[in-house]
Amino acid sequence: MIEELKPLKAWDILKTQSDVLLLDVRSSMEYEYVGHVPGSVFVALKEPPDWLQDAGFVARVRRSIKSRWPDKNPEDMTILALCRSGARSLVAAEELSKNGFKQIYNVGQGFEGDKDEQQQRGNINGWRFHGLPWEQS
């Protein structure tokens, strides 16, 4: 079972531990245009128009880790998975766990948070709601 961390706890871990990877699994459009966390590693789990899970996702995560930390075993890294709301990142975390990764956490609420009464995100919770660092390309 994948443990869920709220955005503030995830940020605290990122600030205090040097070998933690924040893995952004949203689409490239979301990453570029909605914004992203500085220093995060981007590996999309799904992309439009078909939104099918990328069969090479786990291999791309391994390559991304090796490129940033060549001396580390990817499966031993602590990974915090992030998406828009916490749903895709949970799927990504489960996929990584099934493929030998040992320390995987899901960032609940995600980057944009849950929908409010007007069906809009960013107003009740999520990474940006909490005022945590983010930028746009």
N, C-alpha and C. Protein backbone atom coordinates (compact mmCIF):
# COMPACT_ATOMS: atom_id res chain seq x y z
N MET A 1 0.84 -1.18 0.00
CA MET A 1 0.00 0.00 0.00
C MET A 1 0.89 1.25 0.00
N ILE A 2 0.51 2.22 -0.79
CA ILE A 2 1.28 3.44 -0.95
C ILE A 2 0.82 4.46 0.10
N GLU A 3 1.77 5.00 0.83
CA GLU A 3 1.46 6.01 1.84
C GLU A 3 1.23 7.36 1.16
N GLU A 4 0.23 8.10 1.64
CA GLU A 4 -0.06 9.42 1.11
C GLU A 4 0.50 10.50 2.03
N LEU A 5 1.12 11.50 1.41
CA LEU A 5 1.62 12.66 2.14
C LEU A 5 0.86 13.89 1.66
N LYS A 6 0.52 14.76 2.57
CA LYS A 6 -0.07 16.04 2.20
C LYS A 6 1.05 16.94 1.65
N PRO A 7 0.72 17.94 0.84
CA PRO A 7 1.75 18.79 0.24
C PRO A 7 2.73 19.41 1.24
N LEU A 8 2.24 19.90 2.38
CA LEU A 8 3.15 20.52 3.34
C LEU A 8 4.17 19.52 3.89
N LYS A 9 3.75 18.29 4.14
CA LYS A 9 4.67 17.25 4.62
C LYS A 9 5.67 16.88 3.52
N ALA A 10 5.19 16.78 2.28
CA ALA A 10 6.08 16.48 1.16
C ALA A 10 7.14 17.57 1.02
N TRP A 11 6.74 18.84 1.14
CA TRP A 11 7.69 19.94 1.04
C TRP A 11 8.72 19.88 2.16
N ASP A 12 8.27 19.55 3.36
CA ASP A 12 9.18 19.44 4.50
C ASP A 12 10.24 18.36 4.23
N ILE A 13 9.82 17.24 3.68
CA ILE A 13 10.76 16.16 3.34
C ILE A 13 11.74 16.63 2.27
N LEU A 14 11.24 17.30 1.24
CA LEU A 14 12.11 17.78 0.17
C LEU A 14 13.14 18.79 0.67
N LYS A 15 12.77 19.61 1.64
CA LYS A 15 13.68 20.61 2.18
C LYS A 15 14.75 20.01 3.07
N THR A 16 14.45 18.89 3.72
CA THR A 16 15.37 18.36 4.74
C THR A 16 16.17 17.14 4.30
N GLN A 17 15.81 16.53 3.16
CA GLN A 17 16.52 15.34 2.70
C GLN A 17 17.02 15.58 1.28
N SER A 18 18.30 15.36 1.07
CA SER A 18 18.91 15.70 -0.21
C SER A 18 18.69 14.66 -1.31
N ASP A 19 18.41 13.44 -0.96
CA ASP A 19 18.29 12.40 -2.00
C ASP A 19 16.85 11.96 -2.19
N VAL A 20 15.94 12.91 -2.17
CA VAL A 20 14.53 12.65 -2.42
C VAL A 20 14.16 13.23 -3.77
N LEU A 21 13.40 12.48 -4.53
CA LEU A 21 12.99 12.89 -5.86
C LEU A 21 11.51 13.22 -5.86
N LEU A 22 11.16 14.44 -6.28
CA LEU A 22 9.76 14.79 -6.52
C LEU A 22 9.49 14.49 -7.98
N LEU A 23 8.66 13.50 -8.23
CA LEU A 23 8.38 13.02 -9.57
C LEU A 23 7.02 13.53 -10.02
N ASP A 24 7.02 14.41 -11.01
CA ASP A 24 5.79 14.96 -11.56
C ASP A 24 5.35 14.08 -12.71
N VAL A 25 4.17 13.47 -12.59
CA VAL A 25 3.72 12.50 -13.59
C VAL A 25 2.58 13.03 -14.45
N ARG A 26 2.32 14.34 -14.39
CA ARG A 26 1.25 14.92 -15.20
C ARG A 26 1.63 14.94 -16.68
N SER A 27 0.72 15.39 -17.51
CA SER A 27 1.02 15.52 -18.94
C SER A 27 2.00 16.67 -19.16
N SER A 28 2.65 16.67 -20.31
CA SER A 28 3.60 17.74 -20.61
C SER A 28 2.91 19.09 -20.68
N MET A 29 1.66 19.15 -21.14
CA MET A 29 0.93 20.42 -21.17
C MET A 29 0.71 20.95 -19.76
N GLU A 30 0.32 20.08 -18.84
CA GLU A 30 0.12 20.51 -17.46
C GLU A 30 1.42 21.00 -16.85
N TYR A 31 2.47 20.24 -17.06
CA TYR A 31 3.78 20.58 -16.49
C TYR A 31 4.24 21.96 -17.00
N GLU A 32 4.15 22.18 -18.30
CA GLU A 32 4.64 23.42 -18.90
C GLU A 32 3.74 24.62 -18.63
N TYR A 33 2.43 24.45 -18.81
CA TYR A 33 1.53 25.60 -18.80
C TYR A 33 0.82 25.86 -17.48
N VAL A 34 0.52 24.83 -16.71
CA VAL A 34 -0.12 25.03 -15.42
C VAL A 34 0.93 25.39 -14.38
N GLY A 35 2.13 24.83 -14.54
CA GLY A 35 3.23 25.09 -13.63
C GLY A 35 3.76 23.81 -13.04
N HIS A 36 4.89 23.93 -12.37
CA HIS A 36 5.54 22.76 -11.78
C HIS A 36 6.42 23.21 -10.62
N VAL A 37 6.84 22.25 -9.84
CA VAL A 37 7.71 22.50 -8.70
C VAL A 37 9.16 22.59 -9.20
N PRO A 38 9.86 23.67 -8.87
CA PRO A 38 11.27 23.77 -9.29
C PRO A 38 12.07 22.57 -8.78
N GLY A 39 12.89 22.01 -9.65
CA GLY A 39 13.72 20.87 -9.29
C GLY A 39 13.03 19.53 -9.39
N SER A 40 11.75 19.53 -9.70
CA SER A 40 11.05 18.24 -9.85
C SER A 40 11.51 17.57 -11.13
N VAL A 41 11.34 16.26 -11.16
CA VAL A 41 11.65 15.48 -12.35
C VAL A 41 10.33 15.15 -13.03
N PHE A 42 10.25 15.44 -14.31
CA PHE A 42 9.02 15.22 -15.07
C PHE A 42 9.11 13.95 -15.89
N VAL A 43 8.20 13.02 -15.64
CA VAL A 43 8.02 11.82 -16.45
C VAL A 43 6.52 11.57 -16.51
N ALA A 44 5.91 11.88 -17.64
CA ALA A 44 4.46 11.73 -17.78
C ALA A 44 4.04 10.27 -17.70
N LEU A 45 2.98 10.03 -16.94
CA LEU A 45 2.39 8.69 -16.90
C LEU A 45 1.48 8.48 -18.10
N LYS A 46 0.77 9.54 -18.51
CA LYS A 46 -0.17 9.50 -19.64
C LYS A 46 -0.09 10.83 -20.38
N GLU A 47 -0.34 10.79 -21.68
CA GLU A 47 -0.36 12.00 -22.49
C GLU A 47 -1.60 11.99 -23.39
N PRO A 48 -2.12 13.18 -23.70
CA PRO A 48 -3.23 13.23 -24.66
C PRO A 48 -2.71 12.91 -26.06
N PRO A 49 -3.54 12.52 -26.98
CA PRO A 49 -4.99 12.56 -26.87
C PRO A 49 -5.61 11.27 -26.33
N ASP A 50 -4.85 10.19 -26.27
CA ASP A 50 -5.46 8.91 -25.87
C ASP A 50 -5.47 8.68 -24.37
N TRP A 51 -4.57 9.34 -23.62
CA TRP A 51 -4.48 9.22 -22.17
C TRP A 51 -4.26 7.78 -21.72
N LEU A 52 -3.55 7.00 -22.53
CA LEU A 52 -3.20 5.64 -22.14
C LEU A 52 -1.91 5.67 -21.33
N GLN A 53 -1.80 4.76 -20.38
CA GLN A 53 -0.59 4.71 -19.57
C GLN A 53 0.60 4.33 -20.43
N ASP A 54 1.68 5.08 -20.29
CA ASP A 54 2.90 4.86 -21.06
C ASP A 54 3.58 3.57 -20.60
N ALA A 55 3.71 2.61 -21.51
CA ALA A 55 4.32 1.32 -21.18
C ALA A 55 5.79 1.47 -20.76
N GLY A 56 6.44 2.55 -21.18
CA GLY A 56 7.84 2.78 -20.83
C GLY A 56 8.03 3.66 -19.62
N PHE A 57 6.97 3.92 -18.87
CA PHE A 57 7.02 4.84 -17.74
C PHE A 57 8.11 4.47 -16.73
N VAL A 58 8.12 3.24 -16.26
CA VAL A 58 9.08 2.82 -15.22
C VAL A 58 10.51 2.95 -15.74
N ALA A 59 10.76 2.54 -16.96
CA ALA A 59 12.11 2.65 -17.53
C ALA A 59 12.53 4.11 -17.63
N ARG A 60 11.61 5.00 -17.99
CA ARG A 60 11.94 6.43 -18.08
C ARG A 60 12.23 7.02 -16.71
N VAL A 61 11.52 6.56 -15.69
CA VAL A 61 11.81 7.02 -14.32
C VAL A 61 13.22 6.57 -13.92
N ARG A 62 13.55 5.32 -14.20
CA ARG A 62 14.89 4.82 -13.87
C ARG A 62 15.98 5.66 -14.55
N ARG A 63 15.80 5.94 -15.83
CA ARG A 63 16.78 6.75 -16.57
C ARG A 63 16.89 8.17 -15.99
N SER A 64 15.77 8.74 -15.61
CA SER A 64 15.79 10.09 -15.03
C SER A 64 16.55 10.12 -13.72
N ILE A 65 16.37 9.09 -12.91
CA ILE A 65 17.09 9.02 -11.63
C ILE A 65 18.58 8.84 -11.88
N LYS A 66 18.93 7.92 -12.78
CA LYS A 66 20.36 7.67 -13.07
C LYS A 66 21.03 8.91 -13.65
N SER A 67 20.31 9.71 -14.41
CA SER A 67 20.93 10.91 -14.98
C SER A 67 21.19 11.97 -13.90
N ARG A 68 20.36 12.00 -12.87
CA ARG A 68 20.55 12.99 -11.80
C ARG A 68 21.46 12.47 -10.69
N TRP A 69 21.33 11.18 -10.37
CA TRP A 69 22.12 10.56 -9.31
C TRP A 69 22.76 9.29 -9.88
N PRO A 70 23.85 9.41 -10.65
CA PRO A 70 24.45 8.24 -11.31
C PRO A 70 24.94 7.16 -10.37
N ASP A 71 25.26 7.51 -9.13
CA ASP A 71 25.78 6.52 -8.19
C ASP A 71 24.69 5.86 -7.36
N LYS A 72 23.44 6.23 -7.56
CA LYS A 72 22.34 5.68 -6.76
C LYS A 72 21.63 4.56 -7.50
N ASN A 73 21.14 3.62 -6.73
CA ASN A 73 20.25 2.59 -7.27
C ASN A 73 18.85 3.19 -7.31
N PRO A 74 18.24 3.34 -8.48
CA PRO A 74 16.93 3.98 -8.57
C PRO A 74 15.88 3.39 -7.63
N GLU A 75 15.90 2.08 -7.48
CA GLU A 75 14.89 1.41 -6.66
C GLU A 75 15.02 1.75 -5.17
N ASP A 76 16.17 2.28 -4.76
CA ASP A 76 16.38 2.64 -3.36
C ASP A 76 16.09 4.11 -3.06
N MET A 77 15.82 4.89 -4.08
CA MET A 77 15.55 6.32 -3.89
C MET A 77 14.19 6.52 -3.23
N THR A 78 14.07 7.58 -2.48
CA THR A 78 12.76 8.00 -1.97
C THR A 78 12.12 8.86 -3.04
N ILE A 79 10.92 8.47 -3.45
CA ILE A 79 10.22 9.17 -4.53
C ILE A 79 8.88 9.66 -4.01
N LEU A 80 8.62 10.94 -4.24
CA LEU A 80 7.33 11.55 -3.94
C LEU A 80 6.65 11.80 -5.27
N ALA A 81 5.57 11.09 -5.56
CA ALA A 81 4.87 11.21 -6.84
C ALA A 81 3.79 12.28 -6.75
N LEU A 82 3.73 13.14 -7.75
CA LEU A 82 2.82 14.28 -7.77
C LEU A 82 2.10 14.36 -9.11
N CYS A 83 0.81 14.63 -9.08
CA CYS A 83 0.04 14.91 -10.30
C CYS A 83 -0.90 16.07 -10.01
N ARG A 84 -1.97 16.20 -10.76
CA ARG A 84 -2.90 17.31 -10.57
C ARG A 84 -3.65 17.20 -9.24
N SER A 85 -4.19 16.00 -8.94
CA SER A 85 -5.05 15.86 -7.76
C SER A 85 -4.65 14.73 -6.83
N GLY A 86 -3.71 13.89 -7.24
CA GLY A 86 -3.30 12.75 -6.43
C GLY A 86 -3.74 11.42 -6.99
N ALA A 87 -4.55 11.40 -8.04
CA ALA A 87 -5.05 10.15 -8.60
C ALA A 87 -4.03 9.47 -9.52
N ARG A 88 -3.53 10.19 -10.53
CA ARG A 88 -2.53 9.61 -11.43
C ARG A 88 -1.24 9.29 -10.70
N SER A 89 -0.88 10.15 -9.75
CA SER A 89 0.36 9.89 -9.01
C SER A 89 0.25 8.63 -8.16
N LEU A 90 -0.95 8.31 -7.68
CA LEU A 90 -1.14 7.05 -6.96
C LEU A 90 -0.94 5.87 -7.90
N VAL A 91 -1.49 5.95 -9.10
CA VAL A 91 -1.30 4.89 -10.10
C VAL A 91 0.19 4.75 -10.42
N ALA A 92 0.87 5.88 -10.60
CA ALA A 92 2.31 5.86 -10.89
C ALA A 92 3.09 5.25 -9.74
N ALA A 93 2.76 5.62 -8.52
CA ALA A 93 3.44 5.08 -7.34
C ALA A 93 3.23 3.57 -7.24
N GLU A 94 2.02 3.12 -7.50
CA GLU A 94 1.75 1.68 -7.47
C GLU A 94 2.53 0.95 -8.55
N GLU A 95 2.63 1.53 -9.72
CA GLU A 95 3.39 0.93 -10.82
C GLU A 95 4.87 0.83 -10.46
N LEU A 96 5.42 1.87 -9.88
CA LEU A 96 6.83 1.84 -9.46
C LEU A 96 7.04 0.80 -8.37
N SER A 97 6.13 0.74 -7.42
CA SER A 97 6.23 -0.24 -6.33
C SER A 97 6.20 -1.67 -6.87
N LYS A 98 5.34 -1.93 -7.84
CA LYS A 98 5.26 -3.27 -8.45
C LYS A 98 6.54 -3.64 -9.19
N ASN A 99 7.33 -2.62 -9.56
CA ASN A 99 8.55 -2.84 -10.32
C ASN A 99 9.81 -2.65 -9.50
N GLY A 100 9.71 -2.85 -8.19
CA GLY A 100 10.90 -2.92 -7.35
C GLY A 100 11.29 -1.68 -6.59
N PHE A 101 10.60 -0.57 -6.80
CA PHE A 101 10.90 0.64 -6.04
C PHE A 101 10.35 0.47 -4.63
N LYS A 102 11.14 0.87 -3.63
CA LYS A 102 10.80 0.54 -2.24
C LYS A 102 10.24 1.69 -1.43
N GLN A 103 10.62 2.92 -1.75
CA GLN A 103 10.22 4.07 -0.92
C GLN A 103 9.45 5.07 -1.79
N ILE A 104 8.19 4.76 -2.01
CA ILE A 104 7.35 5.57 -2.88
C ILE A 104 6.20 6.15 -2.06
N TYR A 105 5.96 7.44 -2.24
CA TYR A 105 4.87 8.13 -1.56
C TYR A 105 4.04 8.88 -2.60
N ASN A 106 2.76 8.99 -2.34
CA ASN A 106 1.86 9.77 -3.18
C ASN A 106 1.59 11.11 -2.51
N VAL A 107 1.75 12.19 -3.25
CA VAL A 107 1.43 13.51 -2.72
C VAL A 107 -0.06 13.73 -2.93
N GLY A 108 -0.84 13.49 -1.87
CA GLY A 108 -2.28 13.68 -1.93
C GLY A 108 -2.61 15.15 -2.18
N GLN A 109 -3.76 15.39 -2.73
CA GLN A 109 -4.24 16.72 -3.12
C GLN A 109 -3.57 17.20 -4.40
N GLY A 110 -2.38 16.70 -4.70
CA GLY A 110 -1.70 17.03 -5.94
C GLY A 110 -1.27 18.48 -6.06
N PHE A 111 -0.94 18.86 -7.28
CA PHE A 111 -0.44 20.20 -7.57
C PHE A 111 -1.57 21.24 -7.53
N GLU A 112 -2.74 20.87 -8.07
CA GLU A 112 -3.85 21.82 -8.15
C GLU A 112 -4.91 21.60 -7.08
N GLY A 113 -4.97 20.45 -6.47
CA GLY A 113 -5.94 20.20 -5.43
C GLY A 113 -7.27 19.67 -5.93
N ASP A 114 -8.16 19.45 -4.98
CA ASP A 114 -9.50 18.94 -5.27
C ASP A 114 -10.38 20.06 -5.83
N LYS A 115 -11.46 19.67 -6.49
CA LYS A 115 -12.43 20.63 -7.02
C LYS A 115 -13.27 21.21 -5.88
N ASP A 116 -13.59 22.49 -6.03
CA ASP A 116 -14.49 23.13 -5.06
C ASP A 116 -15.94 23.01 -5.56
N GLU A 117 -16.86 23.74 -4.95
CA GLU A 117 -18.27 23.66 -5.32
C GLU A 117 -18.53 24.14 -6.75
N GLN A 118 -17.66 25.00 -7.27
CA GLN A 118 -17.79 25.48 -8.64
C GLN A 118 -17.00 24.62 -9.63
N GLN A 119 -16.53 23.47 -9.17
CA GLN A 119 -15.77 22.53 -10.00
C GLN A 119 -14.43 23.11 -10.46
N GLN A 120 -13.85 23.99 -9.64
CA GLN A 120 -12.55 24.57 -9.95
C GLN A 120 -11.53 24.07 -8.94
N ARG A 121 -10.32 23.91 -9.40
CA ARG A 121 -9.23 23.45 -8.55
C ARG A 121 -8.40 24.64 -8.04
N GLY A 122 -7.67 24.41 -6.96
CA GLY A 122 -6.75 25.41 -6.45
C GLY A 122 -7.32 26.30 -5.35
N ASN A 123 -8.55 26.06 -4.95
CA ASN A 123 -9.19 26.92 -3.98
C ASN A 123 -9.36 26.31 -2.59
N ILE A 124 -9.16 25.00 -2.47
CA ILE A 124 -9.37 24.38 -1.15
C ILE A 124 -8.16 23.61 -0.64
N ASN A 125 -7.32 23.13 -1.53
CA ASN A 125 -6.12 22.41 -1.10
C ASN A 125 -5.18 22.23 -2.29
N GLY A 126 -4.11 21.49 -2.09
CA GLY A 126 -3.14 21.24 -3.15
C GLY A 126 -1.86 22.04 -2.96
N TRP A 127 -0.85 21.69 -3.74
CA TRP A 127 0.48 22.28 -3.64
C TRP A 127 0.43 23.80 -3.76
N ARG A 128 -0.19 24.30 -4.82
CA ARG A 128 -0.23 25.75 -5.04
C ARG A 128 -1.07 26.45 -3.97
N PHE A 129 -2.18 25.85 -3.56
CA PHE A 129 -3.04 26.44 -2.55
C PHE A 129 -2.26 26.74 -1.28
N HIS A 130 -1.34 25.86 -0.91
CA HIS A 130 -0.56 26.00 0.31
C HIS A 130 0.60 27.00 0.15
N GLY A 131 0.74 27.58 -1.02
CA GLY A 131 1.79 28.59 -1.24
C GLY A 131 3.18 28.01 -1.33
N LEU A 132 3.27 26.74 -1.69
CA LEU A 132 4.58 26.10 -1.84
C LEU A 132 5.22 26.52 -3.16
N PRO A 133 6.54 26.40 -3.29
CA PRO A 133 7.22 26.88 -4.50
C PRO A 133 6.72 26.20 -5.78
N TRP A 134 6.52 27.04 -6.79
CA TRP A 134 6.19 26.55 -8.12
C TRP A 134 6.54 27.63 -9.14
N GLU A 135 6.64 27.21 -10.38
CA GLU A 135 6.98 28.13 -11.46
C GLU A 135 6.30 27.66 -12.74
N GLN A 136 6.28 28.55 -13.73
CA GLN A 136 5.77 28.18 -15.04
C GLN A 136 6.91 28.31 -16.04
N SER A 137 6.82 27.53 -17.10
CA SER A 137 7.87 27.57 -18.14
C SER A 137 7.72 28.80 -19.01
